[in-house]
Each structure stands twice: as C-alpha cells, then as structure tokens.
Protein backbone atom coordinates (compact mmCIF):
# COMPACT_ATOMS: atom_id res chain seq x y z
CA MET A 1 -15.81 0.33 -4.52
CA GLN A 2 -12.76 -1.03 -2.74
CA THR A 3 -9.81 -1.35 -5.10
CA LYS A 4 -6.47 -2.91 -4.22
CA VAL A 5 -4.01 -0.05 -4.75
CA LYS A 6 -0.30 -0.78 -4.95
CA HIS A 7 2.48 1.79 -4.61
CA ASN A 8 4.97 1.06 -7.38
CA THR A 9 8.01 3.00 -6.16
CA GLU A 10 10.18 1.96 -9.11
CA GLN A 11 7.79 3.59 -11.58
CA SER A 12 6.68 6.39 -9.20
CA ARG A 13 3.01 5.65 -9.37
CA PHE A 14 0.05 4.22 -7.56
CA GLU A 15 -1.61 1.47 -9.55
CA SER A 16 -4.38 -1.04 -9.61
CA THR A 17 -5.45 -3.73 -12.05
CA VAL A 18 -9.21 -3.97 -12.39
CA ASP A 19 -10.87 -6.44 -14.75
CA GLY A 20 -7.45 -7.00 -16.34
CA MET A 21 -6.95 -3.28 -17.08
CA GLU A 22 -4.26 -1.09 -15.55
CA CYS A 23 -5.21 2.10 -13.72
CA VAL A 24 -2.53 4.55 -12.55
CA ALA A 25 -1.77 7.80 -10.75
CA ASP A 26 1.73 8.97 -11.70
CA TYR A 27 3.96 11.29 -9.72
CA HIS A 28 7.56 12.30 -9.20
CA LEU A 29 9.28 13.70 -6.13
CA VAL A 30 11.14 17.00 -6.18
CA ASP A 31 12.61 18.38 -2.94
CA GLY A 32 9.89 16.94 -0.70
CA VAL A 33 7.07 17.73 -3.13
CA MET A 34 5.01 14.98 -4.72
CA VAL A 35 4.24 16.31 -8.18
CA MET A 36 1.10 14.48 -9.33
CA THR A 37 1.34 14.45 -13.12
CA HIS A 38 -1.22 12.03 -14.54
CA THR A 39 -4.16 9.83 -13.61
CA HIS A 40 -5.52 7.23 -16.00
CA VAL A 41 -8.44 4.85 -15.76
CA PRO A 42 -9.49 3.04 -18.96
CA ALA A 43 -12.86 4.18 -20.34
CA PRO A 44 -14.71 0.92 -19.56
CA LEU A 45 -13.84 1.39 -15.86
CA GLU A 46 -14.72 5.08 -15.53
CA GLY A 47 -17.30 6.10 -12.97
CA ARG A 48 -16.42 3.36 -10.51
CA GLY A 49 -14.35 5.52 -8.14
CA ILE A 50 -11.04 3.93 -9.09
CA ALA A 51 -9.24 7.22 -9.81
CA ALA A 52 -10.41 8.57 -6.45
CA GLU A 53 -8.99 5.53 -4.67
CA LEU A 54 -5.64 5.87 -6.47
CA VAL A 55 -5.37 9.58 -5.71
CA GLY A 56 -6.57 9.08 -2.14
CA ALA A 57 -3.82 6.50 -1.59
CA ALA A 58 -1.23 8.83 -3.10
CA LEU A 59 -2.31 11.74 -0.89
CA GLU A 60 -2.29 9.52 2.20
CA HIS A 61 1.25 8.50 1.29
CA ALA A 62 2.20 12.17 0.94
CA ARG A 63 0.67 12.98 4.35
CA LYS A 64 2.42 10.02 6.02
CA HIS A 65 5.80 11.06 4.61
CA ARG A 66 5.21 14.79 5.13
CA PHE A 67 5.40 15.63 1.43
CA LYS A 68 3.62 18.60 -0.07
CA VAL A 69 1.59 17.96 -3.23
CA ASP A 70 1.73 19.85 -6.52
CA PRO A 71 -1.43 18.72 -8.37
CA ARG A 72 -0.41 19.15 -12.03
CA CYS A 73 -3.02 16.57 -13.09
CA SER A 74 -6.49 18.10 -13.52
CA TYR A 75 -8.13 15.11 -11.82
CA VAL A 76 -5.90 15.52 -8.75
CA ARG A 77 -6.66 19.27 -8.62
CA GLY A 78 -10.38 18.53 -8.69
CA TYR A 79 -10.05 15.80 -6.08
CA MET A 80 -8.21 18.16 -3.73
CA ARG A 81 -10.86 20.87 -4.23
CA ARG A 82 -13.61 18.36 -3.36
CA HIS A 83 -11.73 17.11 -0.29
CA PRO A 84 -10.85 20.10 1.90
CA GLU A 85 -8.95 17.84 4.32
CA THR A 86 -6.24 17.59 1.67
CA GLN A 87 -5.63 21.34 1.43
CA SER A 88 -2.82 21.22 4.01
CA LEU A 89 -0.85 19.11 1.52
CA HIS A 90 -1.09 21.65 -1.31
CA VAL A 91 2.09 23.60 -2.14
C-alpha cells in the first residue's frame, strides 16, 4: 500500500489520514537523537502496512538529517529488527 505520509514538525510526528482516520508515529528530538515514542493506527486500518510506511518515513528522515534513533515504541523496535539496513541509525 502506498500511503501519503506527512511530516508534521509542529507536533513532532509523521502522520497520514486513511479513510478519514488519523495514523501517527510520534517522536521528539534530544541532542541529535530521534526518540520514537508511539505509533498508532486505528484498528480498522491495521494490517495494511500503514505503520510500516510511517516508521519508514521517520527513519528515512533520521538518516537524511544524520539523527540516531532511540526506538522506545515497541513497533519501531520490531521494525528496526526486521529491517537490518536501519541498524546504523540505532543509538
């Protein structure tokens, strides 16, 4: 699935609206580290790869800006384990 992901810098999150429902991956920056704190996709949208697209966009942003990533969110930790190319971002 291709989801339109927007980086909302004011709220420190990556977001997408799918079928009228908001999906988010929240973070905050601390000394060059993107602390990924929460990922949420409403239950009716689960299993469509939306969380993966949000987290993928966030990690690409981190790579582009040379941030390290602290995956406090369990979904982000699992995503990074499944995608070894992201390991260089891990703090």
